[in-house]
Amino acid sequence: MSELNYAKLCQYCFQVLETYLQGKNISQVPFPDEFKGKSYPLFVTWTTGKEKELRGCIGTFKSDNLEKNLRDYTIISSKDSRFPHPITLDELPNLNCEVSLLVNFEMAKNPYDWEVGKHGIDIKFKDEEGGFHSATYLPEVAEEQGWDQKTTLKHLVRKARYYDKIDNIVNNIQTERYQSIKKTISYKEYKSMN
């Protein structure tokens, strides 16, 4: 798979978002031939500025048609509800686009059966009242934050909206680990590819 040019996926995301923000038909944006017919779970992440501050990140664990998923999640991630407003046309020149294709899914033996910087983790668990919780961190999150496994799991449990002691539910946590093929390009790089 290393012979594929993953930057073309980021280029496609920029083209889709730019076309969408200009009010044009995104289904007319050409998808890279070398990726046609492929299926992956994926995340699309938008960051801004030299510090690459998060501006939007949403994806899916459903392995579906890559062209459809990438087009859909390009737009969905640009409207990430954690931010006060969707990405605007004026913001484009300051953006970076990151595409993460998720691969090598496997059930972990326990919530700590994964490596920082190598694996992303997806957790699911029920709390003491039977409420269901789930959350995920992509492989780069723990390393970028400087977290060890225990700290990462604590933050992930909070992300899953469980606020009691982690010791109460740690034995209930089902953990799936995975890896990602990740590529990032800036808007300037995108423009130079056209």
N, C-alpha and C. Protein backbone atom coordinates (compact mmCIF):
# COMPACT_ATOMS: atom_id res chain seq x y z
N MET A 1 0.81 -1.21 0.00
CA MET A 1 0.00 0.00 0.00
C MET A 1 0.85 1.27 0.00
N SER A 2 2.14 1.15 0.27
CA SER A 2 2.99 2.33 0.38
C SER A 2 3.14 3.08 -0.94
N GLU A 3 2.85 2.43 -2.08
CA GLU A 3 3.00 3.10 -3.37
C GLU A 3 1.87 4.10 -3.65
N LEU A 4 0.80 4.05 -2.87
CA LEU A 4 -0.31 4.98 -3.06
C LEU A 4 0.07 6.38 -2.58
N ASN A 5 -0.43 7.39 -3.28
CA ASN A 5 -0.14 8.78 -2.92
C ASN A 5 -1.29 9.31 -2.04
N TYR A 6 -1.12 9.18 -0.73
CA TYR A 6 -2.17 9.56 0.21
C TYR A 6 -2.43 11.06 0.24
N ALA A 7 -1.47 11.86 -0.21
CA ALA A 7 -1.68 13.31 -0.27
C ALA A 7 -2.86 13.64 -1.19
N LYS A 8 -3.11 12.77 -2.18
CA LYS A 8 -4.23 13.00 -3.10
C LYS A 8 -5.58 12.95 -2.37
N LEU A 9 -5.65 12.20 -1.27
CA LEU A 9 -6.89 12.15 -0.49
C LEU A 9 -7.13 13.49 0.21
N CYS A 10 -6.06 14.08 0.73
CA CYS A 10 -6.18 15.40 1.36
C CYS A 10 -6.52 16.46 0.32
N GLN A 11 -5.90 16.34 -0.86
CA GLN A 11 -6.20 17.25 -1.96
C GLN A 11 -7.69 17.18 -2.31
N TYR A 12 -8.20 15.96 -2.38
CA TYR A 12 -9.63 15.75 -2.67
C TYR A 12 -10.50 16.43 -1.61
N CYS A 13 -10.13 16.28 -0.32
CA CYS A 13 -10.91 16.91 0.76
C CYS A 13 -10.92 18.43 0.61
N PHE A 14 -9.76 19.02 0.31
CA PHE A 14 -9.71 20.47 0.09
C PHE A 14 -10.60 20.87 -1.09
N GLN A 15 -10.54 20.10 -2.18
CA GLN A 15 -11.36 20.42 -3.35
C GLN A 15 -12.85 20.34 -3.02
N VAL A 16 -13.22 19.29 -2.26
CA VAL A 16 -14.63 19.13 -1.88
C VAL A 16 -15.08 20.29 -1.00
N LEU A 17 -14.28 20.62 0.02
CA LEU A 17 -14.67 21.70 0.94
C LEU A 17 -14.73 23.04 0.21
N GLU A 18 -13.73 23.33 -0.61
CA GLU A 18 -13.72 24.59 -1.35
C GLU A 18 -14.93 24.69 -2.27
N THR A 19 -15.23 23.62 -2.97
CA THR A 19 -16.39 23.57 -3.88
C THR A 19 -17.69 23.78 -3.10
N TYR A 20 -17.80 23.10 -1.96
CA TYR A 20 -18.99 23.20 -1.11
C TYR A 20 -19.17 24.64 -0.60
N LEU A 21 -18.08 25.24 -0.12
CA LEU A 21 -18.16 26.60 0.43
C LEU A 21 -18.45 27.64 -0.65
N GLN A 22 -18.15 27.31 -1.90
CA GLN A 22 -18.47 28.20 -3.02
C GLN A 22 -19.89 27.98 -3.53
N GLY A 23 -20.61 27.03 -2.90
CA GLY A 23 -22.00 26.77 -3.27
C GLY A 23 -22.16 25.94 -4.54
N LYS A 24 -21.10 25.22 -4.91
CA LYS A 24 -21.14 24.41 -6.14
C LYS A 24 -21.40 22.94 -5.80
N ASN A 25 -21.59 22.12 -6.83
CA ASN A 25 -21.94 20.71 -6.67
C ASN A 25 -20.69 19.87 -6.34
N ILE A 26 -20.63 19.33 -5.14
CA ILE A 26 -19.44 18.57 -4.72
C ILE A 26 -19.33 17.21 -5.41
N SER A 27 -20.42 16.69 -5.95
CA SER A 27 -20.35 15.39 -6.62
C SER A 27 -19.56 15.48 -7.94
N GLN A 28 -19.26 16.69 -8.39
CA GLN A 28 -18.48 16.88 -9.61
C GLN A 28 -16.97 16.87 -9.36
N VAL A 29 -16.56 16.87 -8.09
CA VAL A 29 -15.13 16.88 -7.76
C VAL A 29 -14.55 15.49 -8.08
N PRO A 30 -13.51 15.43 -8.93
CA PRO A 30 -12.96 14.13 -9.33
C PRO A 30 -12.21 13.44 -8.18
N PHE A 31 -12.52 12.16 -7.99
CA PHE A 31 -11.87 11.35 -6.95
C PHE A 31 -10.63 10.68 -7.56
N PRO A 32 -9.52 10.61 -6.80
CA PRO A 32 -8.29 10.01 -7.36
C PRO A 32 -8.51 8.56 -7.81
N ASP A 33 -8.15 8.28 -9.05
CA ASP A 33 -8.35 6.95 -9.64
C ASP A 33 -7.75 5.82 -8.82
N GLU A 34 -6.55 6.05 -8.26
CA GLU A 34 -5.85 4.97 -7.56
C GLU A 34 -6.58 4.50 -6.29
N PHE A 35 -7.55 5.28 -5.82
CA PHE A 35 -8.28 4.91 -4.60
C PHE A 35 -9.71 4.45 -4.89
N LYS A 36 -10.11 4.47 -6.15
CA LYS A 36 -11.48 4.07 -6.50
C LYS A 36 -11.72 2.62 -6.13
N GLY A 37 -12.89 2.34 -5.56
CA GLY A 37 -13.26 0.99 -5.20
C GLY A 37 -12.73 0.52 -3.85
N LYS A 38 -11.96 1.38 -3.17
CA LYS A 38 -11.41 1.00 -1.86
C LYS A 38 -12.38 1.40 -0.75
N SER A 39 -12.30 0.69 0.38
CA SER A 39 -13.14 0.97 1.54
C SER A 39 -12.28 1.02 2.80
N TYR A 40 -12.51 2.02 3.62
CA TYR A 40 -11.80 2.17 4.89
C TYR A 40 -12.69 2.89 5.89
N PRO A 41 -12.54 2.58 7.19
CA PRO A 41 -13.00 3.52 8.20
C PRO A 41 -12.02 4.71 8.14
N LEU A 42 -12.47 5.90 8.48
CA LEU A 42 -11.58 7.05 8.34
C LEU A 42 -12.00 8.21 9.23
N PHE A 43 -11.05 9.14 9.41
CA PHE A 43 -11.31 10.41 10.07
C PHE A 43 -10.74 11.52 9.21
N VAL A 44 -11.46 12.63 9.12
CA VAL A 44 -10.98 13.83 8.46
C VAL A 44 -10.80 14.88 9.55
N THR A 45 -9.59 15.44 9.61
CA THR A 45 -9.25 16.43 10.63
C THR A 45 -8.81 17.73 9.96
N TRP A 46 -9.38 18.83 10.43
CA TRP A 46 -8.98 20.16 9.97
C TRP A 46 -8.27 20.86 11.11
N THR A 47 -7.08 21.41 10.82
CA THR A 47 -6.37 22.22 11.81
C THR A 47 -6.07 23.56 11.18
N THR A 48 -5.73 24.52 12.02
CA THR A 48 -5.51 25.87 11.52
C THR A 48 -4.20 26.45 12.07
N GLY A 49 -3.55 27.25 11.23
CA GLY A 49 -2.34 27.96 11.65
C GLY A 49 -1.11 27.07 11.79
N LYS A 50 0.01 27.72 12.12
CA LYS A 50 1.27 27.01 12.28
C LYS A 50 1.25 26.06 13.47
N GLU A 51 0.46 26.41 14.49
CA GLU A 51 0.35 25.55 15.68
C GLU A 51 -0.58 24.37 15.44
N LYS A 52 -1.24 24.38 14.28
CA LYS A 52 -2.18 23.31 13.91
C LYS A 52 -3.22 23.06 15.00
N GLU A 53 -3.88 24.14 15.39
CA GLU A 53 -4.96 24.04 16.38
C GLU A 53 -6.16 23.35 15.73
N LEU A 54 -6.79 22.46 16.48
CA LEU A 54 -7.92 21.70 15.98
C LEU A 54 -9.05 22.63 15.56
N ARG A 55 -9.61 22.37 14.38
CA ARG A 55 -10.75 23.16 13.87
C ARG A 55 -11.95 22.27 13.55
N GLY A 56 -11.71 20.96 13.47
CA GLY A 56 -12.79 20.01 13.20
C GLY A 56 -12.20 18.62 13.00
N CYS A 57 -12.88 17.62 13.56
CA CYS A 57 -12.41 16.24 13.38
C CYS A 57 -13.58 15.30 13.62
N ILE A 58 -14.00 14.64 12.56
CA ILE A 58 -15.08 13.66 12.67
C ILE A 58 -14.81 12.55 11.65
N GLY A 59 -15.20 11.35 12.01
CA GLY A 59 -15.00 10.23 11.11
C GLY A 59 -15.95 9.10 11.43
N THR A 60 -15.63 7.94 10.88
CA THR A 60 -16.49 6.78 11.06
C THR A 60 -15.65 5.51 11.16
N PHE A 61 -16.16 4.55 11.93
CA PHE A 61 -15.52 3.24 12.02
C PHE A 61 -16.14 2.27 11.02
N LYS A 62 -17.10 2.75 10.26
CA LYS A 62 -17.73 1.89 9.26
C LYS A 62 -16.86 1.88 8.00
N SER A 63 -16.44 0.70 7.61
CA SER A 63 -15.64 0.57 6.39
C SER A 63 -16.57 0.59 5.20
N ASP A 64 -16.66 1.74 4.57
CA ASP A 64 -17.57 1.92 3.46
C ASP A 64 -16.78 2.48 2.29
N ASN A 65 -17.45 2.70 1.18
CA ASN A 65 -16.83 3.24 -0.01
C ASN A 65 -16.02 4.50 0.33
N LEU A 66 -14.72 4.47 0.03
CA LEU A 66 -13.82 5.55 0.42
C LEU A 66 -14.23 6.89 -0.19
N GLU A 67 -14.63 6.88 -1.45
CA GLU A 67 -15.03 8.14 -2.10
C GLU A 67 -16.22 8.77 -1.38
N LYS A 68 -17.24 7.98 -1.12
CA LYS A 68 -18.44 8.49 -0.42
C LYS A 68 -18.11 8.94 1.00
N ASN A 69 -17.39 8.08 1.75
CA ASN A 69 -17.03 8.42 3.13
C ASN A 69 -16.21 9.71 3.20
N LEU A 70 -15.21 9.80 2.33
CA LEU A 70 -14.33 10.97 2.37
C LEU A 70 -15.09 12.24 2.02
N ARG A 71 -15.95 12.17 1.00
CA ARG A 71 -16.75 13.34 0.62
C ARG A 71 -17.67 13.74 1.77
N ASP A 72 -18.38 12.77 2.35
CA ASP A 72 -19.32 13.05 3.43
C ASP A 72 -18.63 13.62 4.67
N TYR A 73 -17.53 12.98 5.08
CA TYR A 73 -16.88 13.40 6.32
C TYR A 73 -16.03 14.65 6.17
N THR A 74 -15.69 15.01 4.93
CA THR A 74 -15.06 16.31 4.69
C THR A 74 -16.03 17.41 5.11
N ILE A 75 -17.28 17.30 4.69
CA ILE A 75 -18.28 18.32 5.01
C ILE A 75 -18.69 18.23 6.48
N ILE A 76 -18.95 17.02 6.97
CA ILE A 76 -19.38 16.86 8.37
C ILE A 76 -18.32 17.41 9.33
N SER A 77 -17.04 17.11 9.08
CA SER A 77 -15.98 17.57 9.97
C SER A 77 -15.79 19.09 9.91
N SER A 78 -16.17 19.71 8.80
CA SER A 78 -16.07 21.17 8.69
C SER A 78 -17.15 21.87 9.51
N LYS A 79 -18.11 21.09 10.00
CA LYS A 79 -19.20 21.64 10.81
C LYS A 79 -19.17 21.07 12.23
N ASP A 80 -17.99 20.65 12.69
CA ASP A 80 -17.82 20.06 14.02
C ASP A 80 -18.49 20.94 15.08
N SER A 81 -19.44 20.37 15.80
CA SER A 81 -20.26 21.15 16.75
C SER A 81 -19.48 21.62 17.98
N ARG A 82 -18.25 21.18 18.15
CA ARG A 82 -17.42 21.67 19.26
C ARG A 82 -16.95 23.10 19.03
N PHE A 83 -17.17 23.60 17.83
CA PHE A 83 -16.71 24.94 17.47
C PHE A 83 -17.90 25.86 17.22
N PRO A 84 -17.74 27.17 17.46
CA PRO A 84 -18.88 28.08 17.41
C PRO A 84 -19.55 28.21 16.04
N HIS A 85 -18.82 27.93 14.97
CA HIS A 85 -19.41 28.03 13.63
C HIS A 85 -18.67 27.10 12.67
N PRO A 86 -19.33 26.71 11.57
CA PRO A 86 -18.65 25.88 10.57
C PRO A 86 -17.47 26.62 9.94
N ILE A 87 -16.57 25.88 9.33
CA ILE A 87 -15.44 26.48 8.61
C ILE A 87 -15.99 27.35 7.47
N THR A 88 -15.35 28.50 7.28
CA THR A 88 -15.77 29.44 6.23
C THR A 88 -14.74 29.48 5.10
N LEU A 89 -15.16 30.04 3.97
CA LEU A 89 -14.28 30.19 2.82
C LEU A 89 -13.04 31.02 3.18
N ASP A 90 -13.22 32.04 4.02
CA ASP A 90 -12.10 32.90 4.43
C ASP A 90 -11.04 32.14 5.22
N GLU A 91 -11.44 31.05 5.90
CA GLU A 91 -10.49 30.28 6.71
C GLU A 91 -9.61 29.35 5.89
N LEU A 92 -10.05 28.99 4.69
CA LEU A 92 -9.35 27.98 3.88
C LEU A 92 -7.84 28.18 3.78
N PRO A 93 -7.33 29.38 3.48
CA PRO A 93 -5.88 29.55 3.31
C PRO A 93 -5.05 29.20 4.55
N ASN A 94 -5.67 29.18 5.72
CA ASN A 94 -4.95 28.87 6.96
C ASN A 94 -5.10 27.42 7.40
N LEU A 95 -5.84 26.62 6.64
CA LEU A 95 -6.16 25.26 7.07
C LEU A 95 -5.12 24.22 6.64
N ASN A 96 -5.08 23.15 7.42
CA ASN A 96 -4.38 21.92 7.07
C ASN A 96 -5.43 20.83 7.09
N CYS A 97 -5.29 19.88 6.16
CA CYS A 97 -6.21 18.75 6.11
C CYS A 97 -5.44 17.48 6.42
N GLU A 98 -5.98 16.69 7.33
CA GLU A 98 -5.37 15.40 7.67
C GLU A 98 -6.40 14.31 7.44
N VAL A 99 -6.01 13.29 6.71
CA VAL A 99 -6.86 12.12 6.49
C VAL A 99 -6.21 10.93 7.18
N SER A 100 -6.97 10.25 8.02
CA SER A 100 -6.50 9.04 8.71
C SER A 100 -7.36 7.87 8.25
N LEU A 101 -6.72 6.92 7.56
CA LEU A 101 -7.40 5.68 7.18
C LEU A 101 -7.11 4.66 8.27
N LEU A 102 -8.15 4.09 8.86
CA LEU A 102 -7.97 3.20 10.00
C LEU A 102 -7.82 1.75 9.54
N VAL A 103 -6.78 1.08 10.07
CA VAL A 103 -6.44 -0.28 9.65
C VAL A 103 -6.06 -1.13 10.86
N ASN A 104 -5.94 -2.44 10.63
CA ASN A 104 -5.43 -3.39 11.64
C ASN A 104 -6.22 -3.37 12.95
N PHE A 105 -7.52 -3.48 12.86
CA PHE A 105 -8.38 -3.53 14.05
C PHE A 105 -8.23 -4.88 14.74
N GLU A 106 -8.09 -4.87 16.06
CA GLU A 106 -8.04 -6.11 16.82
C GLU A 106 -8.48 -5.84 18.26
N MET A 107 -9.15 -6.83 18.85
CA MET A 107 -9.58 -6.69 20.24
C MET A 107 -8.35 -6.78 21.14
N ALA A 108 -8.27 -5.86 22.09
CA ALA A 108 -7.17 -5.87 23.06
C ALA A 108 -7.51 -6.83 24.20
N LYS A 109 -6.49 -7.38 24.83
CA LYS A 109 -6.71 -8.32 25.95
C LYS A 109 -7.28 -7.60 27.17
N ASN A 110 -6.92 -6.32 27.30
CA ASN A 110 -7.40 -5.49 28.43
C ASN A 110 -7.27 -4.03 28.01
N PRO A 111 -7.78 -3.08 28.83
CA PRO A 111 -7.74 -1.67 28.43
C PRO A 111 -6.34 -1.08 28.26
N TYR A 112 -5.30 -1.81 28.69
CA TYR A 112 -3.94 -1.30 28.57
C TYR A 112 -3.10 -2.08 27.56
N ASP A 113 -3.74 -2.92 26.76
CA ASP A 113 -3.06 -3.76 25.78
C ASP A 113 -2.94 -3.02 24.44
N TRP A 114 -2.14 -1.96 24.44
CA TRP A 114 -1.90 -1.15 23.24
C TRP A 114 -0.67 -0.29 23.50
N GLU A 115 -0.09 0.27 22.44
CA GLU A 115 1.12 1.08 22.56
C GLU A 115 0.84 2.54 22.20
N VAL A 116 1.33 3.45 23.07
CA VAL A 116 1.23 4.89 22.81
C VAL A 116 2.00 5.20 21.53
N GLY A 117 1.38 5.96 20.63
CA GLY A 117 2.03 6.36 19.39
C GLY A 117 1.86 5.35 18.25
N LYS A 118 1.43 4.14 18.58
CA LYS A 118 1.23 3.12 17.55
C LYS A 118 -0.25 2.83 17.34
N HIS A 119 -1.00 2.70 18.43
CA HIS A 119 -2.40 2.31 18.35
C HIS A 119 -3.35 3.45 18.73
N GLY A 120 -4.48 3.48 18.06
CA GLY A 120 -5.63 4.21 18.54
C GLY A 120 -6.45 3.22 19.33
N ILE A 121 -7.31 3.72 20.21
CA ILE A 121 -8.17 2.80 20.95
C ILE A 121 -9.62 3.28 20.92
N ASP A 122 -10.49 2.30 20.83
CA ASP A 122 -11.93 2.53 20.85
C ASP A 122 -12.46 1.75 22.05
N ILE A 123 -13.09 2.46 22.98
CA ILE A 123 -13.58 1.79 24.19
C ILE A 123 -15.10 1.81 24.23
N LYS A 124 -15.65 0.75 24.83
CA LYS A 124 -17.09 0.64 25.07
C LYS A 124 -17.26 0.02 26.45
N PHE A 125 -18.22 0.54 27.23
CA PHE A 125 -18.47 -0.04 28.54
C PHE A 125 -19.83 0.39 29.06
N LYS A 126 -20.32 -0.38 30.02
CA LYS A 126 -21.54 -0.02 30.73
C LYS A 126 -21.16 0.45 32.13
N ASP A 127 -21.86 1.48 32.60
CA ASP A 127 -21.60 1.96 33.96
C ASP A 127 -22.42 1.14 34.96
N GLU A 128 -22.33 1.53 36.23
CA GLU A 128 -22.98 0.77 37.31
C GLU A 128 -24.50 0.71 37.15
N GLU A 129 -25.08 1.71 36.49
CA GLU A 129 -26.54 1.74 36.28
C GLU A 129 -26.94 1.10 34.97
N GLY A 130 -25.98 0.59 34.21
CA GLY A 130 -26.28 -0.05 32.94
C GLY A 130 -26.24 0.88 31.74
N GLY A 131 -25.84 2.14 31.98
CA GLY A 131 -25.73 3.10 30.87
C GLY A 131 -24.54 2.76 29.98
N PHE A 132 -24.72 2.91 28.66
CA PHE A 132 -23.67 2.56 27.71
C PHE A 132 -22.82 3.78 27.37
N HIS A 133 -21.51 3.58 27.32
CA HIS A 133 -20.56 4.66 27.00
C HIS A 133 -19.57 4.17 25.95
N SER A 134 -19.13 5.09 25.08
CA SER A 134 -18.08 4.74 24.12
C SER A 134 -17.34 6.01 23.70
N ALA A 135 -16.08 5.83 23.30
CA ALA A 135 -15.26 6.94 22.82
C ALA A 135 -14.01 6.37 22.17
N THR A 136 -13.34 7.21 21.38
CA THR A 136 -12.11 6.77 20.73
C THR A 136 -11.10 7.89 20.69
N TYR A 137 -9.84 7.51 20.64
CA TYR A 137 -8.73 8.43 20.34
C TYR A 137 -7.94 7.81 19.20
N LEU A 138 -7.62 8.62 18.20
CA LEU A 138 -6.77 8.18 17.10
C LEU A 138 -5.35 7.91 17.62
N PRO A 139 -4.55 7.15 16.89
CA PRO A 139 -3.22 6.75 17.37
C PRO A 139 -2.31 7.89 17.79
N GLU A 140 -2.42 9.05 17.16
CA GLU A 140 -1.50 10.14 17.46
C GLU A 140 -1.86 10.94 18.72
N VAL A 141 -3.09 10.81 19.21
CA VAL A 141 -3.56 11.68 20.29
C VAL A 141 -2.72 11.56 21.57
N ALA A 142 -2.54 10.35 22.08
CA ALA A 142 -1.81 10.17 23.34
C ALA A 142 -0.39 10.70 23.23
N GLU A 143 0.27 10.39 22.12
CA GLU A 143 1.66 10.83 21.94
C GLU A 143 1.74 12.36 21.85
N GLU A 144 0.83 12.97 21.08
CA GLU A 144 0.83 14.43 20.94
C GLU A 144 0.58 15.13 22.27
N GLN A 145 -0.25 14.52 23.13
CA GLN A 145 -0.57 15.11 24.42
C GLN A 145 0.47 14.79 25.49
N GLY A 146 1.37 13.85 25.20
CA GLY A 146 2.37 13.45 26.19
C GLY A 146 1.79 12.55 27.28
N TRP A 147 0.73 11.83 26.95
CA TRP A 147 0.05 10.97 27.92
C TRP A 147 0.61 9.55 27.89
N ASP A 148 0.61 8.91 29.06
CA ASP A 148 0.88 7.47 29.12
C ASP A 148 -0.45 6.75 28.96
N GLN A 149 -0.43 5.42 29.03
CA GLN A 149 -1.66 4.64 28.83
C GLN A 149 -2.73 4.97 29.87
N LYS A 150 -2.33 5.05 31.13
CA LYS A 150 -3.30 5.29 32.21
C LYS A 150 -3.98 6.65 32.04
N THR A 151 -3.18 7.68 31.75
CA THR A 151 -3.73 9.03 31.55
C THR A 151 -4.64 9.07 30.33
N THR A 152 -4.22 8.40 29.26
CA THR A 152 -5.04 8.36 28.05
C THR A 152 -6.38 7.71 28.33
N LEU A 153 -6.36 6.58 29.03
CA LEU A 153 -7.61 5.89 29.32
C LEU A 153 -8.52 6.76 30.20
N LYS A 154 -7.93 7.45 31.17
CA LYS A 154 -8.72 8.33 32.04
C LYS A 154 -9.42 9.42 31.21
N HIS A 155 -8.67 10.05 30.30
CA HIS A 155 -9.26 11.10 29.45
C HIS A 155 -10.31 10.52 28.51
N LEU A 156 -10.08 9.32 28.02
CA LEU A 156 -11.02 8.69 27.10
C LEU A 156 -12.32 8.32 27.79
N VAL A 157 -12.22 7.86 29.03
CA VAL A 157 -13.42 7.56 29.82
C VAL A 157 -14.23 8.84 30.06
N ARG A 158 -13.53 9.96 30.30
CA ARG A 158 -14.23 11.25 30.47
C ARG A 158 -14.86 11.68 29.15
N LYS A 159 -14.16 11.45 28.06
CA LYS A 159 -14.70 11.79 26.73
C LYS A 159 -15.98 10.99 26.48
N ALA A 160 -16.05 9.78 27.04
CA ALA A 160 -17.23 8.93 26.91
C ALA A 160 -18.35 9.35 27.87
N ARG A 161 -18.14 10.46 28.56
CA ARG A 161 -19.12 11.06 29.48
C ARG A 161 -19.38 10.20 30.73
N TYR A 162 -18.31 9.62 31.25
CA TYR A 162 -18.38 8.93 32.54
C TYR A 162 -17.47 9.70 33.48
N TYR A 163 -18.03 10.17 34.61
CA TYR A 163 -17.29 11.08 35.47
C TYR A 163 -17.00 10.53 36.86
N ASP A 164 -17.37 9.30 37.12
CA ASP A 164 -17.08 8.68 38.41
C ASP A 164 -15.66 8.11 38.36
N LYS A 165 -15.26 7.38 39.40
CA LYS A 165 -13.92 6.80 39.44
C LYS A 165 -13.77 5.73 38.36
N ILE A 166 -12.66 5.81 37.64
CA ILE A 166 -12.40 4.85 36.56
C ILE A 166 -12.28 3.43 37.11
N ASP A 167 -11.81 3.30 38.37
CA ASP A 167 -11.67 1.97 38.99
C ASP A 167 -13.01 1.24 39.05
N ASN A 168 -14.11 2.00 39.09
CA ASN A 168 -15.45 1.39 39.16
C ASN A 168 -15.82 0.62 37.90
N ILE A 169 -15.24 1.02 36.76
CA ILE A 169 -15.67 0.42 35.49
C ILE A 169 -14.53 -0.16 34.65
N VAL A 170 -13.29 -0.04 35.11
CA VAL A 170 -12.15 -0.46 34.28
C VAL A 170 -12.27 -1.92 33.83
N ASN A 171 -12.83 -2.78 34.68
CA ASN A 171 -12.98 -4.18 34.30
C ASN A 171 -14.10 -4.42 33.30
N ASN A 172 -14.96 -3.41 33.10
CA ASN A 172 -16.07 -3.52 32.14
C ASN A 172 -15.69 -3.00 30.75
N ILE A 173 -14.51 -2.38 30.63
CA ILE A 173 -14.14 -1.72 29.38
C ILE A 173 -13.69 -2.74 28.34
N GLN A 174 -14.39 -2.73 27.21
CA GLN A 174 -13.96 -3.50 26.04
C GLN A 174 -13.12 -2.56 25.18
N THR A 175 -11.94 -2.98 24.82
CA THR A 175 -11.02 -2.12 24.09
C THR A 175 -10.65 -2.75 22.75
N GLU A 176 -10.84 -1.98 21.70
CA GLU A 176 -10.37 -2.39 20.38
C GLU A 176 -9.26 -1.45 19.99
N ARG A 177 -8.13 -2.00 19.58
CA ARG A 177 -7.02 -1.16 19.15
C ARG A 177 -6.93 -1.20 17.63
N TYR A 178 -6.35 -0.14 17.08
CA TYR A 178 -6.22 -0.03 15.64
C TYR A 178 -5.06 0.90 15.31
N GLN A 179 -4.67 0.91 14.06
CA GLN A 179 -3.61 1.79 13.59
C GLN A 179 -4.16 2.68 12.48
N SER A 180 -3.36 3.66 12.06
CA SER A 180 -3.85 4.51 10.97
C SER A 180 -2.74 4.82 9.98
N ILE A 181 -3.19 4.99 8.75
CA ILE A 181 -2.33 5.52 7.69
C ILE A 181 -2.75 6.98 7.60
N LYS A 182 -1.81 7.88 7.91
CA LYS A 182 -2.17 9.28 8.06
C LYS A 182 -1.35 10.16 7.12
N LYS A 183 -2.03 11.14 6.53
CA LYS A 183 -1.35 12.12 5.69
C LYS A 183 -1.95 13.50 5.96
N THR A 184 -1.09 14.51 6.01
CA THR A 184 -1.51 15.89 6.24
C THR A 184 -0.91 16.79 5.17
N ILE A 185 -1.72 17.70 4.63
CA ILE A 185 -1.18 18.74 3.74
C ILE A 185 -1.81 20.08 4.13
N SER A 186 -1.08 21.14 3.83
CA SER A 186 -1.58 22.50 4.07
C SER A 186 -2.35 22.98 2.83
N TYR A 187 -3.07 24.07 3.00
CA TYR A 187 -3.79 24.65 1.86
C TYR A 187 -2.81 25.07 0.77
N LYS A 188 -1.66 25.61 1.18
CA LYS A 188 -0.63 26.02 0.23
C LYS A 188 -0.15 24.81 -0.59
N GLU A 189 0.08 23.68 0.09
CA GLU A 189 0.49 22.46 -0.62
C GLU A 189 -0.62 21.98 -1.57
N TYR A 190 -1.84 22.09 -1.11
CA TYR A 190 -2.99 21.70 -1.94
C TYR A 190 -3.00 22.55 -3.22
N LYS A 191 -2.82 23.86 -3.08
CA LYS A 191 -2.85 24.76 -4.24
C LYS A 191 -1.71 24.43 -5.20
N SER A 192 -0.56 24.02 -4.67
CA SER A 192 0.59 23.70 -5.53
C SER A 192 0.39 22.37 -6.28
N MET A 193 -0.55 21.54 -5.79
CA MET A 193 -0.84 20.25 -6.44
C MET A 193 -1.77 20.41 -7.64
N ASN A 194 -2.51 21.51 -7.69
CA ASN A 194 -3.50 21.72 -8.76
C ASN A 194 -2.85 22.08 -10.08
